[in-house]
N, C-alpha and C. Protein backbone atom coordinates (compact mmCIF):
# COMPACT_ATOMS: atom_id res chain seq x y z
N MET A 1 0.64 -1.06 0.01
CA MET A 1 0.06 0.12 -0.24
C MET A 1 0.78 1.33 -0.07
N ASN A 2 0.25 2.46 -0.83
CA ASN A 2 1.16 3.44 -0.75
C ASN A 2 1.12 4.35 0.21
N PHE A 3 1.55 4.70 1.14
CA PHE A 3 1.40 5.63 2.43
C PHE A 3 1.78 7.11 1.85
N LEU A 4 2.93 7.43 1.11
CA LEU A 4 3.14 8.92 1.07
C LEU A 4 2.40 9.49 -0.06
N PHE A 5 1.79 10.58 0.31
CA PHE A 5 0.89 10.91 -0.88
C PHE A 5 1.65 12.00 -1.83
N GLU A 6 1.71 13.03 -0.99
CA GLU A 6 2.48 14.32 -1.67
C GLU A 6 3.65 15.27 -0.50
N PRO A 7 4.23 15.62 -0.90
CA PRO A 7 5.19 16.55 -0.06
C PRO A 7 4.36 17.94 0.57
N VAL A 8 4.45 18.46 1.56
CA VAL A 8 3.86 19.68 2.14
C VAL A 8 5.13 20.76 1.73
N ILE A 9 4.92 21.64 0.44
CA ILE A 9 5.94 22.72 0.42
C ILE A 9 5.45 24.01 0.79
N SER A 10 5.92 24.65 1.87
CA SER A 10 5.52 26.16 2.09
C SER A 10 6.65 26.54 2.35
N GLU A 11 6.48 27.77 2.80
CA GLU A 11 7.56 28.60 3.31
C GLU A 11 8.40 28.13 4.67
N LYS A 12 7.18 27.75 5.63
CA LYS A 12 7.58 26.97 6.83
C LYS A 12 8.30 25.59 6.53
N THR A 13 8.07 24.70 5.69
CA THR A 13 8.59 23.41 5.48
C THR A 13 10.25 23.82 4.85
N LEU A 14 10.15 24.67 3.81
CA LEU A 14 11.41 24.63 3.17
C LEU A 14 12.26 25.12 4.37
N ALA A 15 12.03 26.25 5.10
CA ALA A 15 12.77 26.53 6.04
C ALA A 15 13.14 25.56 7.53
N LEU A 16 12.57 24.89 7.63
CA LEU A 16 12.29 23.45 8.67
C LEU A 16 13.43 22.75 7.67
N TYR A 17 13.54 22.56 6.51
CA TYR A 17 14.53 21.88 5.41
C TYR A 17 15.91 22.14 5.96
N GLU A 18 15.95 23.49 5.47
CA GLU A 18 17.13 24.32 5.61
C GLU A 18 17.68 24.17 6.50
N LYS A 19 17.09 24.47 7.79
CA LYS A 19 17.60 24.48 9.03
C LYS A 19 18.09 23.10 9.72
N SER A 20 17.16 21.94 9.61
CA SER A 20 17.43 20.76 10.45
C SER A 20 17.43 19.73 9.58
N LYS A 21 16.89 19.80 8.21
CA LYS A 21 17.08 18.31 7.49
C LYS A 21 15.68 17.66 7.71
N VAL A 22 14.89 18.54 7.91
CA VAL A 22 13.41 17.76 8.07
C VAL A 22 12.48 18.01 6.70
N VAL A 23 12.27 16.70 6.38
CA VAL A 23 11.17 16.64 5.22
C VAL A 23 9.77 16.66 5.84
N THR A 24 8.57 16.97 5.07
CA THR A 24 7.09 16.96 5.13
C THR A 24 6.27 16.56 4.57
N PHE A 25 5.62 15.22 4.71
CA PHE A 25 4.97 14.93 3.60
C PHE A 25 3.65 14.40 4.09
N ARG A 26 2.33 14.74 3.34
CA ARG A 26 1.06 14.31 3.61
C ARG A 26 0.89 12.67 3.54
N VAL A 27 0.82 11.93 4.54
CA VAL A 27 0.51 10.71 4.26
C VAL A 27 -1.17 9.99 4.44
N ASN A 28 -1.27 8.72 4.42
CA ASN A 28 -2.34 8.10 4.39
C ASN A 28 -2.48 7.91 6.05
N VAL A 29 -3.73 7.88 6.51
CA VAL A 29 -4.32 8.10 7.89
C VAL A 29 -3.95 6.91 8.51
N SER A 30 -4.22 6.03 8.18
CA SER A 30 -4.07 4.67 8.78
C SER A 30 -2.14 4.28 8.83
N ALA A 31 -1.48 4.85 8.31
CA ALA A 31 -0.15 4.69 8.26
C ALA A 31 0.35 4.84 9.31
N ASN A 32 1.84 4.06 9.88
CA ASN A 32 2.45 4.31 11.42
C ASN A 32 3.83 4.52 10.77
N LYS A 33 4.47 4.84 11.86
CA LYS A 33 6.09 5.51 11.56
C LYS A 33 6.94 4.39 10.60
N HIS A 34 6.52 3.25 11.52
CA HIS A 34 7.23 2.19 10.47
C HIS A 34 7.14 2.14 9.38
N SER A 35 5.98 1.89 8.48
CA SER A 35 5.28 2.04 7.26
C SER A 35 5.99 3.28 6.53
N ILE A 36 5.77 4.19 7.38
CA ILE A 36 6.23 5.49 6.42
C ILE A 36 7.74 5.44 6.26
N LYS A 37 8.49 5.03 7.34
CA LYS A 37 9.87 5.14 6.83
C LYS A 37 10.03 4.09 6.08
N ALA A 38 9.76 2.84 6.03
CA ALA A 38 10.02 1.62 4.99
C ALA A 38 9.70 2.69 3.54
N GLN A 39 8.49 3.27 3.11
CA GLN A 39 7.89 3.75 2.04
C GLN A 39 9.15 4.65 1.32
N LEU A 40 9.32 5.71 2.51
CA LEU A 40 10.60 6.86 2.14
C LEU A 40 11.66 6.21 1.60
N LEU A 41 12.26 5.05 2.44
CA LEU A 41 13.29 4.38 2.12
C LEU A 41 13.10 3.68 0.45
N LYS A 42 11.95 3.05 0.30
CA LYS A 42 11.89 2.54 -0.97
C LYS A 42 11.64 3.55 -2.44
N VAL A 43 11.09 4.56 -2.28
CA VAL A 43 11.02 5.93 -3.17
C VAL A 43 12.40 6.46 -3.39
N TYR A 44 12.65 6.96 -2.19
CA TYR A 44 14.31 7.34 -2.07
C TYR A 44 15.30 6.82 -1.93
N PRO A 45 15.78 5.58 -2.27
CA PRO A 45 17.05 4.60 -1.56
C PRO A 45 18.23 5.32 -1.32
N THR A 46 18.65 6.56 -1.70
CA THR A 46 19.97 7.30 -1.26
C THR A 46 19.86 8.28 0.00
N VAL A 47 18.44 8.28 0.62
CA VAL A 47 18.45 9.28 1.75
C VAL A 47 18.74 8.10 2.81
N LYS A 48 18.80 8.36 4.03
CA LYS A 48 19.22 7.82 5.56
C LYS A 48 18.26 8.52 6.71
N VAL A 49 17.04 7.71 6.95
CA VAL A 49 16.01 8.29 7.75
C VAL A 49 16.81 8.40 9.18
N GLY A 50 16.65 9.49 9.88
CA GLY A 50 16.76 9.34 11.48
C GLY A 50 15.50 9.13 12.21
N SER A 51 14.74 10.16 12.01
CA SER A 51 13.10 9.81 13.13
C SER A 51 12.19 9.88 12.06
N VAL A 52 10.97 9.85 12.51
CA VAL A 52 9.89 9.83 12.09
C VAL A 52 8.88 10.58 12.71
N ASN A 53 7.96 11.74 12.78
CA ASN A 53 7.11 12.39 13.71
C ASN A 53 5.57 12.24 13.18
N VAL A 54 4.82 11.79 13.79
CA VAL A 54 3.21 12.22 12.66
C VAL A 54 2.60 13.22 13.66
N LEU A 55 1.92 13.91 12.66
CA LEU A 55 0.47 14.58 13.31
C LEU A 55 -0.65 14.42 12.76
N ASN A 56 -1.93 14.01 13.47
CA ASN A 56 -2.92 13.87 13.11
C ASN A 56 -3.99 15.21 13.10
N ARG A 57 -4.21 15.44 12.17
CA ARG A 57 -5.43 16.67 11.99
C ARG A 57 -6.67 16.35 11.88
N LEU A 58 -7.48 16.56 12.51
CA LEU A 58 -9.25 16.08 12.67
C LEU A 58 -9.63 17.07 11.63
N GLY A 59 -10.47 16.55 10.44
CA GLY A 59 -11.08 17.65 9.67
C GLY A 59 -12.21 18.50 10.25
N LYS A 60 -12.36 19.44 9.65
CA LYS A 60 -13.68 20.51 10.11
C LYS A 60 -14.49 20.22 9.89
N TYR A 61 -15.86 20.51 10.75
CA TYR A 61 -17.28 20.32 10.24
C TYR A 61 -17.50 21.74 9.95
N LYS A 62 -18.35 22.01 8.68
CA LYS A 62 -18.68 23.29 7.92
C LYS A 62 -20.37 23.15 7.87
N LEU A 63 -21.32 24.20 8.42
CA LEU A 63 -22.45 23.93 8.10
C LEU A 63 -23.03 24.70 6.97
N ASN A 64 -23.81 24.34 6.17
CA ASN A 64 -24.36 24.56 4.74
C ASN A 64 -25.49 25.39 5.27
N SER A 65 -25.75 26.57 5.43
CA SER A 65 -26.51 27.71 5.73
C SER A 65 -28.03 27.67 4.86
N ARG A 66 -28.05 27.02 3.71
CA ARG A 66 -28.89 26.97 2.95
C ARG A 66 -29.77 25.49 3.24
N ARG A 67 -29.19 24.68 3.43
CA ARG A 67 -29.60 23.33 3.40
C ARG A 67 -29.46 23.36 4.94
N LYS A 68 -29.23 23.40 5.35
CA LYS A 68 -29.01 23.13 7.33
C LYS A 68 -28.27 21.57 7.66
N LYS A 69 -27.68 21.40 6.32
CA LYS A 69 -26.69 20.23 6.48
C LYS A 69 -25.00 20.30 7.00
N ILE A 70 -24.59 19.52 7.94
CA ILE A 70 -23.00 19.56 8.26
C ILE A 70 -22.38 18.77 7.32
N LYS A 71 -21.45 19.22 7.02
CA LYS A 71 -20.30 18.69 5.97
C LYS A 71 -19.27 18.58 7.14
N LYS A 72 -18.46 17.19 6.98
CA LYS A 72 -17.06 17.15 7.64
C LYS A 72 -15.95 16.90 6.61
N TYR A 73 -15.07 17.81 7.22
CA TYR A 73 -13.70 17.86 5.75
C TYR A 73 -13.07 16.44 6.26
N PRO A 74 -12.46 15.52 5.36
CA PRO A 74 -11.64 14.35 6.00
C PRO A 74 -10.22 14.79 6.64
N ASP A 75 -9.94 13.98 7.51
CA ASP A 75 -9.11 13.96 8.65
C ASP A 75 -7.76 13.54 7.70
N THR A 76 -6.54 14.18 8.07
CA THR A 76 -5.75 14.18 7.26
C THR A 76 -4.13 13.87 8.27
N LYS A 77 -2.89 13.15 7.78
CA LYS A 77 -1.97 13.15 8.66
C LYS A 77 -0.76 13.65 8.13
N ILE A 78 0.00 14.25 8.55
CA ILE A 78 1.25 14.74 8.23
C ILE A 78 2.72 14.32 9.13
N ALA A 79 3.57 13.76 7.91
CA ALA A 79 4.77 13.01 8.77
C ALA A 79 5.76 13.94 8.62
N TYR A 80 6.47 14.31 9.54
CA TYR A 80 8.01 15.12 9.64
C TYR A 80 8.85 14.20 9.84
N ILE A 81 9.84 14.20 8.64
CA ILE A 81 11.00 13.03 8.75
C ILE A 81 12.22 13.63 8.50
N LYS A 82 12.85 13.49 9.77
CA LYS A 82 14.50 14.17 10.08
C LYS A 82 15.52 13.10 8.92
N LEU A 83 16.32 13.76 8.07
CA LEU A 83 17.10 13.20 7.26
C LEU A 83 18.80 12.58 7.93
N VAL A 84 19.11 12.07 8.03
CA VAL A 84 20.71 11.76 8.68
C VAL A 84 21.52 12.28 7.37
N SER A 85 21.20 11.50 6.02
CA SER A 85 22.05 11.67 4.94
C SER A 85 21.14 11.84 3.64
N GLY A 86 21.90 12.38 2.85
CA GLY A 86 21.09 12.24 1.39
C GLY A 86 20.28 13.68 1.13
N GLU A 87 19.87 13.71 0.37
CA GLU A 87 18.72 14.80 -0.14
C GLU A 87 17.59 14.28 -1.00
N ILE A 88 16.41 15.30 -0.83
CA ILE A 88 15.34 14.58 -1.53
C ILE A 88 15.24 16.18 -2.76
N GLU A 89 15.36 15.98 -4.03
CA GLU A 89 15.34 16.92 -4.65
C GLU A 89 14.10 17.93 -4.73
N ILE A 90 12.82 17.64 -4.16
CA ILE A 90 11.99 18.63 -4.11
C ILE A 90 12.36 19.57 -3.10
N PHE A 91 12.93 19.39 -2.02
CA PHE A 91 12.91 20.41 -1.25
C PHE A 91 14.29 21.28 -0.97
N LYS A 92 14.92 20.70 -2.35
CA LYS A 92 16.52 21.86 -2.74
C LYS A 92 16.25 23.00 -3.02
N LYS A 93 16.84 24.05 -2.69
CA LYS A 93 16.83 25.34 -2.78
C LYS A 93 17.61 25.49 -4.10
N ASN A 94 16.67 26.06 -5.23
CA ASN A 94 17.30 26.39 -6.54
C ASN A 94 18.64 27.39 -6.51
């Protein structure tokens, strides 16, 4: 199963990568730290992973005022991955 969806690219994540070599990925909600690390090593074989931290974000509830229905946005999970050696091309500064 593919656990890595897409990298999270923002000013904050690029600064985090430059300062301490931490990359961020949006991952599957059912993924755990071991499966995220294994998937990253499979996709990027030149990197060495130090640690993996995950952040669970619950989806918001929104009220549609016209129809009086509540809509729930999906839950997301973000992984912060500390690299010991190697680089990922997406996070390199041009």
